[in-house]
């Protein structure tokens, strides 16, 4: 049930739209327009998956992941703890991409 890196740490939604309008000018000539676009919304932790897994591999088996009070344990390096960096509590990247 619990894993080192949960899939729910990343949220991804994409919306697509496509339309085509044609109009005849004569029997043998017509004009038209095709429009396509999308919106992508990505939300993921501020650290990359590589960095989070790399930090997890440097964990010492005798160090605490969580303190007895329930708070995240000590950092691994640079003040980062994989327990925190794999969630949105430490920060997040919210990326929206629009293309038409």
Protein backbone atom coordinates (compact mmCIF):
# COMPACT_ATOMS: atom_id res chain seq x y z
CA UNK A 1 0.00 0.00 0.00
CA UNK A 2 2.75 2.47 0.92
CA UNK A 3 5.63 2.84 -1.49
CA UNK A 4 8.82 4.87 -1.61
CA UNK A 5 7.32 7.17 -4.24
CA UNK A 6 3.56 7.24 -4.59
CA UNK A 7 1.92 7.68 -7.99
CA UNK A 8 -0.45 10.21 -6.47
CA UNK A 9 2.46 12.64 -6.09
CA UNK A 10 1.93 13.71 -9.70
CA UNK A 11 -1.30 15.08 -11.10
CA UNK A 12 -1.84 15.38 -14.86
CA UNK A 13 -4.85 16.53 -16.86
CA UNK A 14 -5.11 17.20 -20.58
CA UNK A 15 -7.97 18.66 -22.59
CA UNK A 16 -8.05 18.56 -26.41
CA UNK A 17 -10.22 20.42 -28.90
CA UNK A 18 -10.42 20.05 -32.66
CA UNK A 19 -12.77 21.66 -35.16
CA UNK A 20 -13.04 21.79 -38.93
CA UNK A 21 -15.13 24.27 -40.92
CA UNK A 22 -15.51 24.05 -44.69
CA UNK A 23 -17.41 26.34 -47.02
CA UNK A 24 -17.99 25.76 -50.74
CA UNK A 25 -17.22 28.71 -53.00
CA UNK A 26 -18.14 27.03 -56.30
CA UNK A 27 -18.93 23.48 -57.40
CA UNK A 28 -15.23 22.73 -57.80
CA UNK A 29 -13.69 25.02 -55.15
CA UNK A 30 -14.12 25.07 -51.41
CA UNK A 31 -12.27 26.72 -48.54
CA UNK A 32 -11.89 25.63 -44.97
CA UNK A 33 -10.06 25.97 -41.72
CA UNK A 34 -8.87 23.36 -39.24
CA UNK A 35 -8.21 24.40 -35.65
CA UNK A 36 -6.72 22.17 -32.99
CA UNK A 37 -5.53 22.96 -29.52
CA UNK A 38 -4.92 21.57 -26.09
CA UNK A 39 -4.54 22.54 -22.47
CA UNK A 40 -2.21 20.56 -20.22
CA UNK A 41 -2.16 21.01 -16.46
CA UNK A 42 0.69 19.27 -14.62
CA UNK A 43 1.26 19.46 -10.89
CA UNK A 44 4.24 17.66 -9.40
CA UNK A 45 6.66 17.97 -6.45
CA UNK A 46 9.37 20.62 -6.73
CA UNK A 47 12.06 17.91 -6.80
CA UNK A 48 12.34 15.54 -9.75
CA UNK A 49 11.60 11.84 -9.38
CA UNK A 50 15.31 11.13 -9.96
CA UNK A 51 16.29 13.39 -7.05
CA UNK A 52 13.68 11.86 -4.73
CA UNK A 53 14.68 8.28 -5.52
CA UNK A 54 18.36 9.24 -5.28
CA UNK A 55 17.79 10.71 -1.82
CA UNK A 56 15.89 7.60 -0.80
CA UNK A 57 18.82 5.38 -1.75
CA UNK A 58 21.10 7.43 0.50
CA UNK A 59 18.91 6.89 3.55
CA UNK A 60 20.72 5.21 6.40
CA UNK A 61 18.67 2.23 7.68
CA UNK A 62 19.09 3.42 11.26
CA UNK A 63 17.84 6.98 10.66
CA UNK A 64 14.25 7.97 11.30
CA UNK A 65 11.85 8.65 8.45
CA UNK A 66 9.46 10.14 10.99
CA UNK A 67 10.06 11.35 14.52
CA UNK A 68 7.96 9.72 17.28
CA UNK A 69 5.83 12.90 17.25
CA UNK A 70 4.75 12.13 13.66
CA UNK A 71 6.79 14.92 12.06
CA UNK A 72 9.19 14.10 9.20
CA UNK A 73 12.60 12.95 10.37
CA UNK A 74 16.00 14.54 9.74
CA UNK A 75 17.10 15.63 6.29
CA UNK A 76 19.33 13.55 4.05
CA UNK A 77 21.18 16.41 2.34
CA UNK A 78 20.63 20.10 1.62
CA UNK A 79 17.73 20.18 4.07
CA UNK A 80 15.68 17.76 1.95
CA UNK A 81 13.85 14.73 3.28
CA UNK A 82 12.35 12.32 0.68
CA UNK A 83 9.25 11.94 2.86
CA UNK A 84 8.55 15.65 2.40
CA UNK A 85 9.92 16.29 -1.09
CA UNK A 86 7.71 13.58 -2.61
CA UNK A 87 4.57 15.42 -1.46
CA UNK A 88 3.20 18.89 -2.12
CA UNK A 89 3.81 20.05 1.46
CA UNK A 90 7.37 21.14 0.61
CA UNK A 91 6.31 22.96 -2.56
CA UNK A 92 5.08 22.13 -6.02
CA UNK A 93 5.52 22.94 -9.69
CA UNK A 94 2.21 23.90 -11.25
CA UNK A 95 2.69 23.95 -15.01
CA UNK A 96 -0.04 24.95 -17.45
CA UNK A 97 0.54 24.70 -21.20
CA UNK A 98 -1.85 26.12 -23.79
CA UNK A 99 -1.37 25.51 -27.48
CA UNK A 100 -3.61 26.44 -30.39
